[in-house]
Amino acid sequence: MEMISLEKELKENSYPGRGIIIGRSADGTKAVTAYFIMGRSVNSRNRVFVEDGEGIRTQAFDPSKLSDPSLIIYAPVRVLGNKTIVTNGDQTDTIYEGMDRQMTFEQSLRSREFEPDAPNYTPRISGVMHVEGGKYSYALSILKSNNGDPSACNRFTFAYENCVAGEGHFIHTYKCDGDPLPSFEGEPKLVAIPDDMEEFAQMLWTSLNEDNKVSLFVRYIDITSGKYESKIINKNR
């Protein structure tokens, strides 16, 4: 698979929606993830990321403008032991609870499907990172309608073992802007992962469409110790 420029990819797409990036830093020492949200409606744009234990959650920036919390208020990131779960919805909790009962990532998602937001039927995208004893692997999933037909759910899981230094994968909810919004297609995109968290976060934030971007979360986890550092950027401040 050809590696694409993540910066170029984001700058040329005004509305990829919500996106997950998971990979390994160029020096090989860090497990890396990033998650961003975008919005076109007042309700979707009225959000910030806040820390919640070892993870994060979304929160209304102005509670008086919150019209429907059902699909926009959730915990995008949760940590279960040596596993970090990243998703675009409340399936974070489904995965956490399933894996806590010794189910696999894929099995945990069997009870879920795309979001019920007709006519878009927004895909549920999810990722899990497994860091243990100096070893690192990750997986990504997308649950999507069958070409806009809500009577069928198409399920795809992509697993990456012995992750290569400097490489990562990017999956997002929408192929591009539109009405209805077209779902992401194909495999997660191969992208470069740098060593510097601040540099990576700033590149992502400045590359996202200025009107539509809402919040960004980036985390670098030391593969040997499990210690991590994180960064949150919110448009609403």
Protein backbone atom coordinates (compact mmCIF):
# COMPACT_ATOMS: atom_id res chain seq x y z
CA MET A 1 0.00 0.00 0.00
CA GLU A 2 1.31 3.44 -0.90
CA MET A 3 1.86 5.82 2.01
CA ILE A 4 -0.13 9.02 1.62
CA SER A 5 0.56 12.48 3.03
CA LEU A 6 -1.80 12.86 5.98
CA GLU A 7 -1.42 16.62 5.87
CA LYS A 8 -2.41 16.75 2.19
CA GLU A 9 -5.24 14.26 2.73
CA LEU A 10 -6.82 16.40 5.44
CA LYS A 11 -6.30 19.73 3.71
CA GLU A 12 -7.99 18.46 0.54
CA ASN A 13 -11.05 17.02 2.33
CA SER A 14 -13.33 19.60 3.94
CA TYR A 15 -15.35 16.98 5.80
CA PRO A 16 -13.85 13.57 6.65
CA GLY A 17 -16.11 13.71 9.73
CA ARG A 18 -14.54 11.89 12.66
CA GLY A 19 -11.16 10.23 12.27
CA ILE A 20 -8.91 7.75 14.07
CA ILE A 21 -5.18 7.39 13.46
CA ILE A 22 -3.18 4.61 15.13
CA GLY A 23 0.46 3.71 14.55
CA ARG A 24 4.02 3.67 15.85
CA SER A 25 6.43 6.57 16.20
CA ALA A 26 9.37 6.80 13.79
CA ASP A 27 11.88 5.86 16.49
CA GLY A 28 9.81 2.79 17.34
CA THR A 29 9.41 3.61 21.03
CA LYS A 30 5.83 4.96 21.16
CA ALA A 31 2.38 3.63 20.37
CA VAL A 32 0.48 6.58 18.90
CA THR A 33 -3.16 7.45 18.45
CA ALA A 34 -5.10 10.53 17.41
CA TYR A 35 -8.83 11.13 17.28
CA PHE A 36 -10.60 14.18 15.87
CA ILE A 37 -14.21 15.28 15.54
CA MET A 38 -15.77 17.73 13.11
CA GLY A 39 -19.28 19.13 12.82
CA ARG A 40 -21.61 20.89 10.41
CA SER A 41 -24.57 21.53 12.73
CA VAL A 42 -24.70 23.82 15.77
CA ASN A 43 -25.26 20.75 17.96
CA SER A 44 -22.22 18.91 16.60
CA ARG A 45 -19.96 21.96 16.84
CA ASN A 46 -21.00 22.70 20.42
CA ARG A 47 -18.48 20.26 21.94
CA VAL A 48 -15.13 20.00 23.66
CA PHE A 49 -12.92 17.11 24.74
CA VAL A 50 -12.23 16.85 28.48
CA GLU A 51 -10.09 14.41 30.44
CA ASP A 52 -11.95 11.58 32.14
CA GLY A 53 -9.71 9.29 34.20
CA GLU A 54 -7.18 7.76 31.81
CA GLY A 55 -9.42 8.57 28.85
CA ILE A 56 -11.50 11.47 27.57
CA ARG A 57 -15.16 12.31 27.01
CA THR A 58 -17.07 14.84 24.97
CA GLN A 59 -18.92 17.61 26.73
CA ALA A 60 -21.25 20.39 25.59
CA PHE A 61 -19.34 23.68 25.43
CA ASP A 62 -22.56 25.65 25.94
CA PRO A 63 -25.13 23.41 27.70
CA SER A 64 -27.97 25.75 26.68
CA LYS A 65 -27.32 24.92 22.99
CA LEU A 66 -27.31 21.14 23.45
CA SER A 67 -30.34 19.84 21.54
CA ASP A 68 -29.66 16.09 21.21
CA PRO A 69 -26.89 14.41 23.25
CA SER A 70 -27.57 10.88 21.97
CA LEU A 71 -24.87 10.66 19.28
CA ILE A 72 -22.48 13.43 20.29
CA ILE A 73 -21.87 12.95 24.04
CA TYR A 74 -19.74 9.86 24.74
CA ALA A 75 -16.31 8.67 25.86
CA PRO A 76 -14.08 8.46 22.75
CA VAL A 77 -11.11 7.04 24.70
CA ARG A 78 -11.03 4.51 27.55
CA VAL A 79 -8.20 2.41 28.97
CA LEU A 80 -8.62 -1.22 30.06
CA GLY A 81 -5.36 -2.47 31.55
CA ASN A 82 -2.85 -2.58 28.68
CA LYS A 83 -5.50 -1.79 26.06
CA THR A 84 -6.44 1.69 24.85
CA ILE A 85 -9.82 1.90 23.10
CA VAL A 86 -10.62 4.76 20.69
CA THR A 87 -13.97 5.17 18.93
CA ASN A 88 -16.38 7.70 17.47
CA GLY A 89 -19.32 6.80 19.71
CA ASP A 90 -20.64 5.04 22.77
CA GLN A 91 -19.37 1.73 21.36
CA THR A 92 -16.25 2.59 23.38
CA ASP A 93 -18.20 1.31 26.37
CA THR A 94 -19.40 -1.77 24.45
CA ILE A 95 -15.81 -2.71 23.57
CA TYR A 96 -14.56 -1.98 27.09
CA GLU A 97 -17.25 -4.15 28.68
CA GLY A 98 -16.84 -6.95 26.11
CA MET A 99 -13.07 -7.13 26.41
CA ASP A 100 -13.39 -6.99 30.19
CA ARG A 101 -15.40 -10.23 29.83
CA GLN A 102 -12.62 -11.78 27.71
CA MET A 103 -14.37 -11.18 24.39
CA THR A 104 -12.29 -10.08 21.40
CA PHE A 105 -12.46 -6.61 19.87
CA GLU A 106 -14.44 -7.99 16.93
CA GLN A 107 -16.80 -10.04 19.11
CA SER A 108 -17.50 -7.03 21.32
CA LEU A 109 -18.72 -5.04 18.31
CA ARG A 110 -21.12 -7.75 17.08
CA SER A 111 -23.93 -6.18 19.09
CA ARG A 112 -23.48 -2.79 17.40
CA GLU A 113 -23.93 -1.35 13.93
CA PHE A 114 -23.79 2.04 12.17
CA GLU A 115 -25.46 5.06 13.76
CA PRO A 116 -29.24 5.50 13.27
CA ASP A 117 -28.89 8.98 11.79
CA ALA A 118 -30.73 8.59 8.47
CA PRO A 119 -29.97 9.36 5.69
CA ASN A 120 -26.24 9.40 6.55
CA TYR A 121 -26.10 6.20 8.64
CA THR A 122 -22.73 7.35 9.98
CA PRO A 123 -20.26 4.45 10.24
CA ARG A 124 -19.01 3.45 13.67
CA ILE A 125 -15.23 3.49 13.57
CA SER A 126 -13.23 1.94 16.40
CA GLY A 127 -9.65 1.12 17.31
CA VAL A 128 -7.86 -0.80 20.04
CA MET A 129 -4.16 -0.62 20.94
CA HIS A 130 -2.49 -3.44 22.87
CA VAL A 131 0.80 -2.51 24.55
CA GLU A 132 2.39 -5.16 26.76
CA GLY A 133 5.94 -6.17 27.64
CA GLY A 134 7.52 -4.10 24.90
CA LYS A 135 5.18 -5.54 22.25
CA TYR A 136 2.57 -3.54 20.39
CA SER A 137 -0.30 -4.40 18.08
CA TYR A 138 -3.51 -2.65 17.10
CA ALA A 139 -6.74 -3.12 15.21
CA LEU A 140 -9.28 -0.88 13.49
CA SER A 141 -12.94 -1.54 12.71
CA ILE A 142 -15.69 0.06 10.67
CA LEU A 143 -19.39 -0.84 10.82
CA LYS A 144 -21.28 0.70 7.91
CA SER A 145 -24.57 0.47 6.06
CA ASN A 146 -24.67 -1.46 2.80
CA ASN A 147 -24.15 1.46 0.40
CA GLY A 148 -26.69 3.54 2.29
CA ASP A 149 -29.15 0.67 2.78
CA PRO A 150 -29.85 0.38 6.53
CA SER A 151 -31.28 -3.14 6.24
CA ALA A 152 -27.73 -4.58 6.16
CA CYS A 153 -24.59 -3.83 8.19
CA ASN A 154 -21.18 -4.44 6.64
CA ARG A 155 -18.45 -5.20 9.21
CA PHE A 156 -14.72 -4.82 8.55
CA THR A 157 -11.83 -5.37 10.97
CA PHE A 158 -8.17 -4.66 10.15
CA ALA A 159 -5.49 -6.02 12.51
CA TYR A 160 -1.85 -4.91 12.54
CA GLU A 161 0.84 -6.94 14.32
CA ASN A 162 4.57 -6.22 14.73
CA CYS A 163 3.82 -2.62 13.88
CA VAL A 164 6.45 -0.93 11.73
CA ALA A 165 8.16 2.15 13.16
CA GLY A 166 7.03 5.37 11.51
CA GLU A 167 3.86 3.87 10.08
CA GLY A 168 0.21 4.16 11.03
CA HIS A 169 -3.29 3.83 9.62
CA PHE A 170 -6.05 6.40 9.23
CA ILE A 171 -9.77 5.67 9.05
CA HIS A 172 -12.58 8.21 9.04
CA THR A 173 -16.36 8.23 8.88
CA TYR A 174 -17.06 10.03 5.60
CA LYS A 175 -15.41 9.79 2.23
CA CYS A 176 -16.02 13.54 1.77
CA ASP A 177 -18.69 16.20 2.26
CA GLY A 178 -22.08 15.58 0.69
CA ASP A 179 -25.81 15.23 1.29
CA PRO A 180 -26.23 12.51 2.34
CA LEU A 181 -22.67 12.05 3.54
CA PRO A 182 -20.92 9.16 1.73
CA SER A 183 -19.31 6.56 4.01
CA PHE A 184 -15.57 5.84 4.11
CA GLU A 185 -14.52 3.21 1.58
CA GLY A 186 -11.68 0.67 1.46
CA GLU A 187 -8.82 -0.13 3.82
CA PRO A 188 -7.48 2.32 6.40
CA LYS A 189 -4.94 4.62 4.75
CA LEU A 190 -1.22 4.16 5.37
CA VAL A 191 0.31 7.32 6.88
CA ALA A 192 3.56 8.44 8.51
CA ILE A 193 3.82 8.81 12.30
CA PRO A 194 6.49 11.22 13.60
CA ASP A 195 8.33 11.12 16.95
CA ASP A 196 7.21 14.53 18.18
CA MET A 197 3.70 14.60 19.69
CA GLU A 198 3.40 18.39 19.64
CA GLU A 199 4.47 18.54 16.01
CA PHE A 200 2.02 15.79 15.04
CA ALA A 201 -0.88 17.42 16.91
CA GLN A 202 -0.25 20.83 15.36
CA MET A 203 0.00 19.35 11.86
CA LEU A 204 -3.32 17.57 12.30
CA TRP A 205 -5.10 20.57 13.80
CA THR A 206 -3.92 23.08 11.21
CA SER A 207 -4.73 20.66 8.37
CA LEU A 208 -8.37 20.14 9.41
CA ASN A 209 -10.96 22.41 7.79
CA GLU A 210 -11.18 25.60 9.83
CA ASP A 211 -14.98 25.87 9.70
CA ASN A 212 -15.75 22.24 10.50
CA LYS A 213 -13.08 21.13 12.99
CA VAL A 214 -14.17 20.84 16.63
CA SER A 215 -11.68 18.90 18.79
CA LEU A 216 -8.51 16.80 18.61
CA PHE A 217 -6.92 14.28 20.98
CA VAL A 218 -3.41 12.83 20.58
CA ARG A 219 -1.66 10.28 22.81
CA TYR A 220 1.88 8.81 22.74
CA ILE A 221 2.36 5.66 24.86
CA ASP A 222 5.84 4.38 25.76
CA ILE A 223 5.87 0.78 24.53
CA THR A 224 8.29 -0.36 27.23
CA SER A 225 6.85 1.34 30.33
CA GLY A 226 3.25 1.96 29.31
CA LYS A 227 3.50 5.58 30.46
CA TYR A 228 1.82 8.10 28.20
CA GLU A 229 1.47 11.77 27.41
CA SER A 230 -1.56 13.32 25.79
CA LYS A 231 -2.69 16.54 24.17
CA ILE A 232 -6.20 17.96 23.69
CA ILE A 233 -7.01 20.86 21.36
CA ASN A 234 -10.52 22.34 21.38
CA LYS A 235 -11.80 25.00 18.98
CA ASN A 236 -14.27 26.15 21.64
CA ARG A 237 -12.30 27.73 24.49
